[in-house]
PDB file of N, CA and C in Angstrom:
ATOM      1  N   MET A   1       1.044  13.824  -7.773  1.00  0.00           N
ATOM      2  CA  MET A   1       1.055  15.251  -8.450  1.00  0.00           C
ATOM      3  C   MET A   1       1.229  16.053  -7.494  1.00  0.00           C
ATOM      4  N   ALA A   2       2.747  16.434  -7.603  1.00  0.00           N
ATOM      5  CA  ALA A   2       3.773  17.739  -6.612  1.00  0.00           C
ATOM      6  C   ALA A   2       2.758  18.173  -5.635  1.00  0.00           C
ATOM      7  N   ASN A   3       1.851  19.372  -6.294  1.00  0.00           N
ATOM      8  CA  ASN A   3       1.025  20.347  -5.748  1.00  0.00           C
ATOM      9  C   ASN A   3       0.190  19.598  -5.570  1.00  0.00           C
ATOM     10  N   ALA A   4      -0.807  18.793  -5.646  1.00  0.00           N
ATOM     11  CA  ALA A   4      -1.720  18.792  -5.562  1.00  0.00           C
ATOM     12  C   ALA A   4      -1.811  18.021  -3.846  1.00  0.00           C
ATOM     13  N   GLN A   5      -2.850  18.815  -2.701  1.00  0.00           N
ATOM     14  CA  GLN A   5      -3.341  18.651  -1.565  1.00  0.00           C
ATOM     15  C   GLN A   5      -4.275  17.404  -1.121  1.00  0.00           C
ATOM     16  N   LEU A   6      -4.189  16.764  -0.113  1.00  0.00           N
ATOM     17  CA  LEU A   6      -4.939  15.992  -0.002  1.00  0.00           C
ATOM     18  C   LEU A   6      -5.927  16.834   0.849  1.00  0.00           C
ATOM     19  N   THR A   7      -7.409  16.144   0.462  1.00  0.00           N
ATOM     20  CA  THR A   7      -8.653  16.801   0.728  1.00  0.00           C
ATOM     21  C   THR A   7      -9.319  15.550   2.140  1.00  0.00           C
ATOM     22  N   PRO A   8      -9.757  16.223   3.510  1.00  0.00           N
ATOM     23  CA  PRO A   8     -10.013  15.428   4.231  1.00  0.00           C
ATOM     24  C   PRO A   8     -10.801  14.059   4.100  1.00  0.00           C
ATOM     25  N   ARG A   9     -11.668  14.011   2.391  1.00  0.00           N
ATOM     26  CA  ARG A   9     -12.679  12.969   2.189  1.00  0.00           C
ATOM     27  C   ARG A   9     -11.389  12.321   0.946  1.00  0.00           C
ATOM     28  N   GLY A  10      -9.930  12.524   0.680  1.00  0.00           N
ATOM     29  CA  GLY A  10      -8.884  11.349  -0.078  1.00  0.00           C
ATOM     30  C   GLY A  10      -8.960  12.545  -1.298  1.00  0.00           C
ATOM     31  N   GLY A  11     -10.289  13.059  -1.519  1.00  0.00           N
ATOM     32  CA  GLY A  11      -9.843  13.560  -2.858  1.00  0.00           C
ATOM     33  C   GLY A  11      -8.597  14.806  -2.648  1.00  0.00           C
ATOM     34  N   THR A  12      -8.233  15.466  -4.388  1.00  0.00           N
ATOM     35  CA  THR A  12      -7.258  16.103  -4.209  1.00  0.00           C
ATOM     36  C   THR A  12      -7.815  17.856  -4.774  1.00  0.00           C
ATOM     37  N   ILE A  13      -7.272  18.514  -4.211  1.00  0.00           N
ATOM     38  CA  ILE A  13      -6.748  20.208  -4.342  1.00  0.00           C
ATOM     39  C   ILE A  13      -5.818  20.275  -5.075  1.00  0.00           C
ATOM     40  N   GLY A  14      -6.009  20.754  -6.534  1.00  0.00           N
ATOM     41  CA  GLY A  14      -4.831  20.946  -7.391  1.00  0.00           C
ATOM     42  C   GLY A  14      -4.494  19.909  -8.310  1.00  0.00           C
ATOM     43  N   ALA A  15      -5.035  18.794  -7.982  1.00  0.00           N
ATOM     44  CA  ALA A  15      -4.977  17.975  -9.130  1.00  0.00           C
ATOM     45  C   ALA A  15      -5.345  18.087 -10.780  1.00  0.00           C
ATOM     46  N   MET A  16      -4.350  17.979 -11.655  1.00  0.00           N
ATOM     47  CA  MET A  16      -5.424  18.392 -12.910  1.00  0.00           C
ATOM     48  C   MET A  16      -5.908  17.139 -13.373  1.00  0.00           C
ATOM     49  N   ALA A  17      -7.120  16.583 -13.425  1.00  0.00           N
ATOM     50  CA  ALA A  17      -7.706  15.854 -14.445  1.00  0.00           C
ATOM     51  C   ALA A  17      -7.280  15.251 -15.490  1.00  0.00           C
ATOM     52  N   GLU A  18      -7.212  14.554 -16.089  1.00  0.00           N
ATOM     53  CA  GLU A  18      -7.168  14.698 -17.916  1.00  0.00           C
ATOM     54  C   GLU A  18      -7.965  14.119 -18.813  1.00  0.00           C
ATOM     55  N   LEU A  19      -7.924  15.290 -19.431  1.00  0.00           N
ATOM     56  CA  LEU A  19      -9.540  15.604 -20.545  1.00  0.00           C
ATOM     57  C   LEU A  19      -9.958  14.330 -21.201  1.00  0.00           C
ATOM     58  N   LEU A  20     -11.010  14.153 -21.718  1.00  0.00           N
ATOM     59  CA  LEU A  20     -11.526  12.938 -22.365  1.00  0.00           C
ATOM     60  C   LEU A  20     -10.989  13.086 -23.835  1.00  0.00           C
ATOM     61  N   THR A  21     -11.075  12.650 -24.904  1.00  0.00           N
ATOM     62  CA  THR A  21     -10.813  12.626 -26.254  1.00  0.00           C
ATOM     63  C   THR A  21     -12.455  12.518 -26.466  1.00  0.00           C
ATOM     64  N   ASP A  22     -12.647  13.501 -27.531  1.00  0.00           N
ATOM     65  CA  ASP A  22     -14.103  13.547 -28.314  1.00  0.00           C
ATOM     66  C   ASP A  22     -14.649  11.847 -28.388  1.00  0.00           C
ATOM     67  N   ASP A  23     -13.825  10.943 -28.734  1.00  0.00           N
ATOM     68  CA  ASP A  23     -14.247   9.706 -29.049  1.00  0.00           C
ATOM     69  C   ASP A  23     -14.871   9.467 -27.642  1.00  0.00           C
ATOM     70  N   GLN A  24     -13.814   9.632 -26.575  1.00  0.00           N
ATOM     71  CA  GLN A  24     -14.279   9.188 -25.330  1.00  0.00           C
ATOM     72  C   GLN A  24     -15.611   9.866 -24.481  1.00  0.00           C
ATOM     73  N   VAL A  25     -15.903  10.947 -24.937  1.00  0.00           N
ATOM     74  CA  VAL A  25     -16.939  11.537 -24.776  1.00  0.00           C
ATOM     75  C   VAL A  25     -18.283  10.918 -25.461  1.00  0.00           C
ATOM     76  N   THR A  26     -17.993  10.696 -26.735  1.00  0.00           N
ATOM     77  CA  THR A  26     -19.351  10.049 -27.480  1.00  0.00           C
ATOM     78  C   THR A  26     -19.609   8.535 -26.937  1.00  0.00           C
ATOM     79  N   ALA A  27     -17.936   8.146 -26.226  1.00  0.00           N
ATOM     80  CA  ALA A  27     -18.491   6.853 -25.806  1.00  0.00           C
ATOM     81  C   ALA A  27     -19.672   6.778 -24.439  1.00  0.00           C
ATOM     82  N   ALA A  28     -19.129   7.560 -23.735  1.00  0.00           N
ATOM     83  CA  ALA A  28     -19.699   8.054 -22.394  1.00  0.00           C
ATOM     84  C   ALA A  28     -20.792   8.357 -22.571  1.00  0.00           C
ATOM     85  N   LEU A  29     -21.228   9.211 -23.451  1.00  0.00           N
ATOM     86  CA  LEU A  29     -22.709   9.766 -23.395  1.00  0.00           C
ATOM     87  C   LEU A  29     -23.984   8.467 -24.170  1.00  0.00           C
ATOM     88  N   THR A  30     -23.014   6.938 -24.308  1.00  0.00           N
ATOM     89  CA  THR A  30     -23.948   6.066 -24.567  1.00  0.00           C
ATOM     90  C   THR A  30     -24.832   5.335 -23.264  1.00  0.00           C
ATOM     91  N   SER A  31     -23.849   5.982 -22.528  1.00  0.00           N
ATOM     92  CA  SER A  31     -24.640   5.237 -20.987  1.00  0.00           C
ATOM     93  C   SER A  31     -25.227   6.462 -20.402  1.00  0.00           C
ATOM     94  N   LEU A  32     -24.943   7.390 -21.144  1.00  0.00           N
ATOM     95  CA  LEU A  32     -25.956   8.589 -20.403  1.00  0.00           C
ATOM     96  C   LEU A  32     -26.940   9.107 -21.776  1.00  0.00           C
ATOM     97  N   PRO A  33     -27.632   8.635 -21.590  1.00  0.00           N
ATOM     98  CA  PRO A  33     -28.776   9.160 -23.170  1.00  0.00           C
ATOM     99  C   PRO A  33     -29.183  10.544 -22.503  1.00  0.00           C
ATOM    100  N   SER A  34     -29.321  10.756 -21.459  1.00  0.00           N
ATOM    101  CA  SER A  34     -29.897  12.197 -21.099  1.00  0.00           C
ATOM    102  C   SER A  34     -29.255  13.410 -21.062  1.00  0.00           C
ATOM    103  N   TRP A  35     -27.811  13.023 -21.903  1.00  0.00           N
ATOM    104  CA  TRP A  35     -26.809  13.906 -21.236  1.00  0.00           C
ATOM    105  C   TRP A  35     -26.395  14.237 -22.144  1.00  0.00           C
ATOM    106  N   GLN A  36     -26.154  15.713 -22.829  1.00  0.00           N
ATOM    107  CA  GLN A  36     -25.519  16.249 -24.112  1.00  0.00           C
ATOM    108  C   GLN A  36     -23.986  17.148 -23.570  1.00  0.00           C
ATOM    109  N   ALA A  37     -22.598  16.615 -24.837  1.00  0.00           N
ATOM    110  CA  ALA A  37     -21.572  17.402 -24.980  1.00  0.00           C
ATOM    111  C   ALA A  37     -22.023  19.070 -25.324  1.00  0.00           C
ATOM    112  N   GLN A  38     -21.737  19.664 -24.605  1.00  0.00           N
ATOM    113  CA  GLN A  38     -22.253  21.088 -25.090  1.00  0.00           C
ATOM    114  C   GLN A  38     -20.485  21.820 -24.160  1.00  0.00           C
ATOM    115  N   ASP A  39     -20.189  23.396 -25.093  1.00  0.00           N
ATOM    116  CA  ASP A  39     -19.315  23.942 -24.052  1.00  0.00           C
ATOM    117  C   ASP A  39     -18.156  23.228 -23.891  1.00  0.00           C
ATOM    118  N   ALA A  40     -17.924  21.965 -23.869  1.00  0.00           N
ATOM    119  CA  ALA A  40     -16.721  21.592 -23.199  1.00  0.00           C
ATOM    120  C   ALA A  40     -17.527  20.557 -21.856  1.00  0.00           C
ATOM    121  N   ALA A  41     -18.633  20.834 -21.874  1.00  0.00           N
ATOM    122  CA  ALA A  41     -19.165  20.460 -20.690  1.00  0.00           C
ATOM    123  C   ALA A  41     -20.280  19.138 -21.159  1.00  0.00           C
ATOM    124  N   LEU A  42     -20.520  18.283 -19.700  1.00  0.00           N
ATOM    125  CA  LEU A  42     -21.630  17.760 -20.515  1.00  0.00           C
ATOM    126  C   LEU A  42     -23.220  18.154 -19.535  1.00  0.00           C
ATOM    127  N   VAL A  43     -24.147  18.142 -20.151  1.00  0.00           N
ATOM    128  CA  VAL A  43     -25.119  19.253 -19.662  1.00  0.00           C
ATOM    129  C   VAL A  43     -26.374  17.727 -19.876  1.00  0.00           C
ATOM    130  N   ARG A  44     -27.365  18.653 -18.766  1.00  0.00           N
ATOM    131  CA  ARG A  44     -28.593  17.531 -18.565  1.00  0.00           C
ATOM    132  C   ARG A  44     -29.774  18.624 -17.974  1.00  0.00           C
ATOM    133  N   THR A  45     -30.484  19.111 -18.660  1.00  0.00           N
ATOM    134  CA  THR A  45     -31.653  19.808 -18.245  1.00  0.00           C
ATOM    135  C   THR A  45     -32.767  18.743 -17.374  1.00  0.00           C
ATOM    136  N   VAL A  46     -34.002  19.269 -16.600  1.00  0.00           N
ATOM    137  CA  VAL A  46     -34.625  18.069 -16.271  1.00  0.00           C
ATOM    138  C   VAL A  46     -35.845  18.911 -15.603  1.00  0.00           C
ATOM    139  N   GLU A  47     -37.009  18.537 -15.829  1.00  0.00           N
ATOM    140  CA  GLU A  47     -37.979  19.149 -14.818  1.00  0.00           C
ATOM    141  C   GLU A  47     -38.576  18.587 -13.786  1.00  0.00           C
ATOM    142  N   LEU A  48     -38.709  18.791 -12.717  1.00  0.00           N
ATOM    143  CA  LEU A  48     -39.399  17.601 -11.202  1.00  0.00           C
ATOM    144  C   LEU A  48     -40.833  18.423 -11.138  1.00  0.00           C
ATOM    145  N   GLU A  49     -41.075  17.371 -10.613  1.00  0.00           N
ATOM    146  CA  GLU A  49     -42.422  18.056  -9.936  1.00  0.00           C
ATOM    147  C   GLU A  49     -43.076  19.486  -9.469  1.00  0.00           C
ATOM    148  N   SER A  50     -42.289  19.680  -8.541  1.00  0.00           N
ATOM    149  CA  SER A  50     -42.709  21.033  -7.831  1.00  0.00           C
ATOM    150  C   SER A  50     -40.849  21.641  -7.688  1.00  0.00           C
ATOM    151  N   PHE A  51     -41.114  22.917  -7.517  1.00  0.00           N
ATOM    152  CA  PHE A  51     -40.090  23.626  -6.776  1.00  0.00           C
ATOM    153  C   PHE A  51     -39.102  23.101  -5.342  1.00  0.00           C
ATOM    154  N   ALA A  52     -40.089  22.657  -4.468  1.00  0.00           N
ATOM    155  CA  ALA A  52     -39.540  21.788  -3.457  1.00  0.00           C
ATOM    156  C   ALA A  52     -38.482  20.417  -4.012  1.00  0.00           C
ATOM    157  N   GLN A  53     -39.430  19.935  -4.512  1.00  0.00           N
ATOM    158  CA  GLN A  53     -38.724  18.941  -5.305  1.00  0.00           C
ATOM    159  C   GLN A  53     -37.796  18.888  -6.201  1.00  0.00           C
ATOM    160  N   ALA A  54     -37.564  20.393  -6.871  1.00  0.00           N
ATOM    161  CA  ALA A  54     -36.312  20.808  -7.586  1.00  0.00           C
ATOM    162  C   ALA A  54     -34.922  20.814  -6.195  1.00  0.00           C
ATOM    163  N   LEU A  55     -34.992  21.151  -5.060  1.00  0.00           N
ATOM    164  CA  LEU A  55     -34.400  22.029  -4.352  1.00  0.00           C
ATOM    165  C   LEU A  55     -34.241  20.769  -3.779  1.00  0.00           C
ATOM    166  N   GLN A  56     -34.770  20.245  -2.909  1.00  0.00           N
ATOM    167  CA  GLN A  56     -34.437  18.368  -2.833  1.00  0.00           C
ATOM    168  C   GLN A  56     -33.389  17.857  -3.832  1.00  0.00           C
ATOM    169  N   VAL A  57     -33.634  17.450  -4.912  1.00  0.00           N
ATOM    170  CA  VAL A  57     -32.384  16.892  -5.510  1.00  0.00           C
ATOM    171  C   VAL A  57     -31.527  17.981  -5.741  1.00  0.00           C
ATOM    172  N   VAL A  58     -31.095  19.274  -5.669  1.00  0.00           N
ATOM    173  CA  VAL A  58     -30.002  20.378  -5.855  1.00  0.00           C
ATOM    174  C   VAL A  58     -29.104  19.933  -4.090  1.00  0.00           C
ATOM    175  N   ASN A  59     -29.788  20.017  -2.968  1.00  0.00           N
ATOM    176  CA  ASN A  59     -29.171  19.519  -1.869  1.00  0.00           C
ATOM    177  C   ASN A  59     -28.518  17.923  -2.223  1.00  0.00           C
ATOM    178  N   ARG A  60     -29.225  17.161  -2.484  1.00  0.00           N
ATOM    179  CA  ARG A  60     -28.507  15.540  -2.107  1.00  0.00           C
ATOM    180  C   ARG A  60     -27.500  15.847  -3.244  1.00  0.00           C
ATOM    181  N   VAL A  61     -27.560  16.395  -4.461  1.00  0.00           N
ATOM    182  CA  VAL A  61     -26.153  16.203  -5.381  1.00  0.00           C
ATOM    183  C   VAL A  61     -25.661  17.170  -4.810  1.00  0.00           C
ATOM    184  N   ALA A  62     -25.335  18.290  -3.974  1.00  0.00           N
ATOM    185  CA  ALA A  62     -25.160  18.861  -3.561  1.00  0.00           C
ATOM    186  C   ALA A  62     -24.039  18.294  -2.234  1.00  0.00           C
ATOM    187  N   GLU A  63     -24.295  17.306  -1.303  1.00  0.00           N
ATOM    188  CA  GLU A  63     -24.035  16.891  -1.044  1.00  0.00           C
ATOM    189  C   GLU A  63     -22.914  15.009  -1.378  1.00  0.00           C
ATOM    190  N   ILE A  64     -23.529  14.372  -2.577  1.00  0.00           N
ATOM    191  CA  ILE A  64     -22.380  13.836  -3.040  1.00  0.00           C
ATOM    192  C   ILE A  64     -21.715  14.797  -3.832  1.00  0.00           C
ATOM    193  N   ALA A  65     -21.948  15.924  -4.373  1.00  0.00           N
ATOM    194  CA  ALA A  65     -20.239  17.112  -4.656  1.00  0.00           C
ATOM    195  C   ALA A  65     -19.484  17.201  -3.595  1.00  0.00           C
ATOM    196  N   GLU A  66     -19.829  17.808  -2.242  1.00  0.00           N
ATOM    197  CA  GLU A  66     -19.147  17.868  -1.662  1.00  0.00           C
ATOM    198  C   GLU A  66     -18.226  16.458  -0.955  1.00  0.00           C
ATOM    199  N   ASN A  67     -18.994  15.169  -0.809  1.00  0.00           N
ATOM    200  CA  ASN A  67     -18.082  14.022  -0.625  1.00  0.00           C
ATOM    201  C   ASN A  67     -16.873  13.812  -1.787  1.00  0.00           C
ATOM    202  N   ASP A  68     -17.449  14.164  -3.066  1.00  0.00           N
ATOM    203  CA  ASP A  68     -16.274  13.892  -4.408  1.00  0.00           C
ATOM    204  C   ASP A  68     -15.667  15.041  -4.689  1.00  0.00           C
ATOM    205  N   ASN A  69     -15.614  16.118  -3.874  1.00  0.00           N
ATOM    206  CA  ASN A  69     -14.625  17.241  -4.338  1.00  0.00           C
ATOM    207  C   ASN A  69     -14.556  17.811  -5.827  1.00  0.00           C
ATOM    208  N   HIS A  70     -16.283  17.736  -6.288  1.00  0.00           N
ATOM    209  CA  HIS A  70     -16.319  17.760  -7.700  1.00  0.00           C
ATOM    210  C   HIS A  70     -17.488  18.635  -7.817  1.00  0.00           C
ATOM    211  N   HIS A  71     -17.807  19.692  -8.115  1.00  0.00           N
ATOM    212  CA  HIS A  71     -19.061  20.216  -8.065  1.00  0.00           C
ATOM    213  C   HIS A  71     -19.130  20.800  -9.639  1.00  0.00           C
ATOM    214  N   PRO A  72     -20.727  20.285  -9.359  1.00  0.00           N
ATOM    215  CA  PRO A  72     -21.346  20.640 -10.924  1.00  0.00           C
ATOM    216  C   PRO A  72     -22.020  22.134 -11.134  1.00  0.00           C
ATOM    217  N   ASP A  73     -22.068  22.902 -11.880  1.00  0.00           N
ATOM    218  CA  ASP A  73     -22.594  24.322 -11.797  1.00  0.00           C
ATOM    219  C   ASP A  73     -24.114  23.571 -12.171  1.00  0.00           C
ATOM    220  N   ILE A  74     -24.998  23.933 -11.234  1.00  0.00           N
ATOM    221  CA  ILE A  74     -26.649  24.355 -11.262  1.00  0.00           C
ATOM    222  C   ILE A  74     -27.356  25.379 -11.945  1.00  0.00           C
ATOM    223  N   ASP A  75     -28.322  25.433 -12.698  1.00  0.00           N
ATOM    224  CA  ASP A  75     -29.154  26.096 -12.871  1.00  0.00           C
ATOM    225  C   ASP A  75     -30.157  25.661 -12.438  1.00  0.00           C
ATOM    226  N   ILE A  76     -31.317  26.511 -11.929  1.00  0.00           N
ATOM    227  CA  ILE A  76     -32.414  26.680 -10.855  1.00  0.00           C
ATOM    228  C   ILE A  76     -33.375  27.526 -11.358  1.00  0.00           C
ATOM    229  N   ARG A  77     -34.551  26.900 -12.596  1.00  0.00           N
ATOM    230  CA  ARG A  77     -35.418  28.069 -12.949  1.00  0.00           C
ATOM    231  C   ARG A  77     -36.620  27.278 -12.609  1.00  0.00           C
ATOM    232  N   TRP A  78     -37.531  27.908 -11.597  1.00  0.00           N
ATOM    233  CA  TRP A  78     -38.296  27.454 -10.737  1.00  0.00           C
ATOM    234  C   TRP A  78     -38.414  25.604 -10.608  1.00  0.00           C
ATOM    235  N   ARG A  79     -38.891  24.919 -11.070  1.00  0.00           N
ATOM    236  CA  ARG A  79     -39.151  23.338 -10.988  1.00  0.00           C
ATOM    237  C   ARG A  79     -37.976  22.442 -12.187  1.00  0.00           C
ATOM    238  N   THR A  80     -37.502  23.929 -12.779  1.00  0.00           N
ATOM    239  CA  THR A  80     -36.438  22.814 -13.999  1.00  0.00           C
ATOM    240  C   THR A  80     -34.774  23.377 -13.523  1.00  0.00           C
ATOM    241  N   LEU A  81     -34.467  21.814 -13.763  1.00  0.00           N
ATOM    242  CA  LEU A  81     -33.036  22.060 -13.178  1.00  0.00           C
ATOM    243  C   LEU A  81     -31.452  21.747 -14.420  1.00  0.00           C
ATOM    244  N   THR A  82     -30.582  22.824 -14.800  1.00  0.00           N
ATOM    245  CA  THR A  82     -29.899  22.260 -15.565  1.00  0.00           C
ATOM    246  C   THR A  82     -28.345  21.957 -14.552  1.00  0.00           C
ATOM    247  N   PHE A  83     -27.994  20.872 -15.003  1.00  0.00           N
ATOM    248  CA  PHE A  83     -26.750  20.289 -14.606  1.00  0.00           C
ATOM    249  C   PHE A  83     -25.795  20.511 -15.548  1.00  0.00           C
ATOM    250  N   ARG A  84     -24.512  21.316 -14.867  1.00  0.00           N
ATOM    251  CA  ARG A  84     -23.500  21.301 -16.049  1.00  0.00           C
ATOM    252  C   ARG A  84     -22.394  20.666 -15.325  1.00  0.00           C
ATOM    253  N   CYS A  85     -21.450  19.617 -15.775  1.00  0.00           N
ATOM    254  CA  CYS A  85     -20.453  18.762 -15.595  1.00  0.00           C
ATOM    255  C   CYS A  85     -19.361  19.029 -16.467  1.00  0.00           C
ATOM    256  N   ARG A  86     -18.092  19.813 -15.600  1.00  0.00           N
ATOM    257  CA  ARG A  86     -17.073  20.193 -16.275  1.00  0.00           C
ATOM    258  C   ARG A  86     -16.183  20.540 -15.542  1.00  0.00           C
ATOM    259  N   THR A  87     -14.976  20.101 -15.886  1.00  0.00           N
ATOM    260  CA  THR A  87     -13.797  19.795 -14.353  1.00  0.00           C
ATOM    261  C   THR A  87     -12.958  21.565 -15.396  1.00  0.00           C
ATOM    262  N   HIS A  88     -13.007  22.311 -14.258  1.00  0.00           N
ATOM    263  CA  HIS A  88     -12.843  23.651 -14.820  1.00  0.00           C
ATOM    264  C   HIS A  88     -11.070  23.975 -14.842  1.00  0.00           C
ATOM    265  N   SER A  89     -10.636  22.715 -13.691  1.00  0.00           N
ATOM    266  CA  SER A  89      -9.330  22.899 -14.026  1.00  0.00           C
ATOM    267  C   SER A  89      -8.294  22.541 -14.909  1.00  0.00           C
ATOM    268  N   SER A  90      -9.537  21.721 -15.495  1.00  0.00           N
ATOM    269  CA  SER A  90      -9.064  21.220 -16.924  1.00  0.00           C
ATOM    270  C   SER A  90      -8.873  21.530 -18.196  1.00  0.00           C
ATOM    271  N   GLY A  91     -10.343  22.326 -17.749  1.00  0.00           N
ATOM    272  CA  GLY A  91     -10.520  23.049 -19.162  1.00  0.00           C
ATOM    273  C   GLY A  91     -11.884  22.611 -19.994  1.00  0.00           C
ATOM    274  N   GLY A  92     -12.242  20.934 -19.276  1.00  0.00           N
ATOM    275  CA  GLY A  92     -13.031  20.746 -20.415  1.00  0.00           C
ATOM    276  C   GLY A  92     -13.763  19.844 -19.258  1.00  0.00           C
ATOM    277  N   ILE A  93     -14.203  18.126 -20.311  1.00  0.00           N
ATOM    278  CA  ILE A  93     -14.926  16.873 -19.964  1.00  0.00           C
ATOM    279  C   ILE A  93     -13.411  15.940 -19.234  1.00  0.00           C
ATOM    280  N   THR A  94     -13.588  15.295 -18.000  1.00  0.00           N
ATOM    281  CA  THR A  94     -12.967  14.689 -17.723  1.00  0.00           C
ATOM    282  C   THR A  94     -13.082  12.998 -16.807  1.00  0.00           C
ATOM    283  N   ALA A  95     -13.093  12.273 -16.309  1.00  0.00           N
ATOM    284  CA  ALA A  95     -13.577  11.213 -16.379  1.00  0.00           C
ATOM    285  C   ALA A  95     -14.338  12.110 -14.822  1.00  0.00           C
ATOM    286  N   LEU A  96     -14.072  12.346 -14.341  1.00  0.00           N
ATOM    287  CA  LEU A  96     -14.679  13.412 -12.691  1.00  0.00           C
ATOM    288  C   LEU A  96     -16.014  13.589 -13.777  1.00  0.00           C
ATOM    289  N   ASP A  97     -16.502  14.178 -14.351  1.00  0.00           N
ATOM    290  CA  ASP A  97     -17.374  14.551 -14.892  1.00  0.00           C
ATOM    291  C   ASP A  97     -18.259  13.443 -15.034  1.00  0.00           C
ATOM    292  N   VAL A  98     -17.721  12.627 -15.751  1.00  0.00           N
ATOM    293  CA  VAL A  98     -19.240  11.357 -16.362  1.00  0.00           C
ATOM    294  C   VAL A  98     -19.605  10.609 -15.062  1.00  0.00           C
ATOM    295  N   SER A  99     -18.382  10.479 -13.967  1.00  0.00           N
ATOM    296  CA  SER A  99     -18.549   9.891 -12.621  1.00  0.00           C
ATOM    297  C   SER A  99     -19.851  10.713 -12.353  1.00  0.00           C
ATOM    298  N   LEU A 100     -19.540  12.420 -12.133  1.00  0.00           N
ATOM    299  CA  LEU A 100     -20.601  13.009 -11.225  1.00  0.00           C
ATOM    300  C   LEU A 100     -22.309  12.845 -12.355  1.00  0.00           C
ATOM    301  N   ALA A 101     -22.051  12.853 -13.117  1.00  0.00           N
ATOM    302  CA  ALA A 101     -22.951  12.904 -14.316  1.00  0.00           C
ATOM    303  C   ALA A 101     -23.834  11.426 -13.854  1.00  0.00           C
ATOM    304  N   GLU A 102     -23.276  10.310 -14.114  1.00  0.00           N
ATOM    305  CA  GLU A 102     -24.099   9.036 -13.535  1.00  0.00           C
ATOM    306  C   GLU A 102     -24.701   9.056 -11.787  1.00  0.00           C
ATOM    307  N   GLU A 103     -23.995   9.736 -11.319  1.00  0.00           N
ATOM    308  CA  GLU A 103     -24.131  10.216  -9.672  1.00  0.00           C
ATOM    309  C   GLU A 103     -25.642  10.490  -9.629  1.00  0.00           C
ATOM    310  N   ILE A 104     -25.814  11.784 -10.783  1.00  0.00           N
ATOM    311  CA  ILE A 104     -27.108  12.956 -10.368  1.00  0.00           C
ATOM    312  C   ILE A 104     -27.783  11.767 -10.925  1.00  0.00           C
ATOM    313  N   ASP A 105     -27.551  11.146 -12.458  1.00  0.00           N
ATOM    314  CA  ASP A 105     -29.116  10.329 -13.092  1.00  0.00           C
ATOM    315  C   ASP A 105     -29.298   9.622 -12.068  1.00  0.00           C
ATOM    316  N   GLY A 106     -28.753   8.936 -10.592  1.00  0.00           N
ATOM    317  CA  GLY A 106     -28.965   8.232  -9.841  1.00  0.00           C
ATOM    318  C   GLY A 106     -30.145   8.901  -8.647  1.00  0.00           C
ATOM    319  N   VAL A 107     -29.706  10.444  -8.412  1.00  0.00           N
ATOM    320  CA  VAL A 107     -30.290  10.844  -7.524  1.00  0.00           C
ATOM    321  C   VAL A 107     -31.324  11.308  -8.169  1.00  0.00           C
ATOM    322  N   LEU A 108     -31.907  11.692  -9.732  1.00  0.00           N
ATOM    323  CA  LEU A 108     -33.117  11.806 -10.205  1.00  0.00           C
ATOM    324  C   LEU A 108     -34.221  10.641  -9.932  1.00  0.00           C
ATOM    325  N   ASP A 109     -33.251   9.798 -10.447  1.00  0.00           N
ATOM    326  CA  ASP A 109     -34.230   8.178 -10.869  1.00  0.00           C
ATOM    327  C   ASP A 109     -35.135   8.006  -9.306  1.00  0.00           C
ATOM    328  N   VAL A 110     -34.041   8.683  -8.387  1.00  0.00           N
ATOM    329  CA  VAL A 110     -34.745   8.190  -6.672  1.00  0.00           C
ATOM    330  C   VAL A 110     -36.000   8.649  -6.543  1.00  0.00           C
ATOM    331  N   PHE A 111     -35.679   9.978  -7.069  1.00  0.00           N
ATOM    332  CA  PHE A 111     -36.757  11.474  -6.706  1.00  0.00           C
ATOM    333  C   PHE A 111     -37.648  11.512  -7.845  1.00  0.00           C
ATOM    334  N   ARG A 112     -37.656  10.306  -9.035  1.00  0.00           N
ATOM    335  CA  ARG A 112     -38.605  10.405  -9.952  1.00  0.00           C
ATOM    336  C   ARG A 112     -39.543   8.779  -9.271  1.00  0.00           C
ATOM    337  N   GLY A 113     -39.124   7.862  -8.785  1.00  0.00           N
ATOM    338  CA  GLY A 113     -39.933   6.791  -8.303  1.00  0.00           C
ATOM    339  C   GLY A 113     -39.153   5.100  -9.305  1.00  0.00           C
ATOM    340  N   ARG A 114     -37.693   5.891  -9.919  1.00  0.00           N
ATOM    341  CA  ARG A 114     -37.274   4.685 -10.858  1.00  0.00           C
ATOM    342  C   ARG A 114     -36.941   3.568 -10.030  1.00  0.00           C
TER     343      ARG A 114
END
């Protein structure tokens, strides 16, 4: 990609990820049962045990997002978190969002003792 710049961790800035088709999104959601496709994004809302635990989850997701150079929108309402994964530069859901949703599920599993 001619205009893409390499980041220190090997990601790219300015690279356009390919949008998934509706069928690809539907297929991805079969392995992400707690997520929904909504307004060209993967969305999951979860309630944690406390506000402090919710912030711990947000901090861990932030570390992953920084490492991946792909960041979800996160809404914090006391102990309820809503994650919205969307590749803004591509205008919708890409494989990057599916991967990030899987990583968020892994974080939530750890904090919920699964």
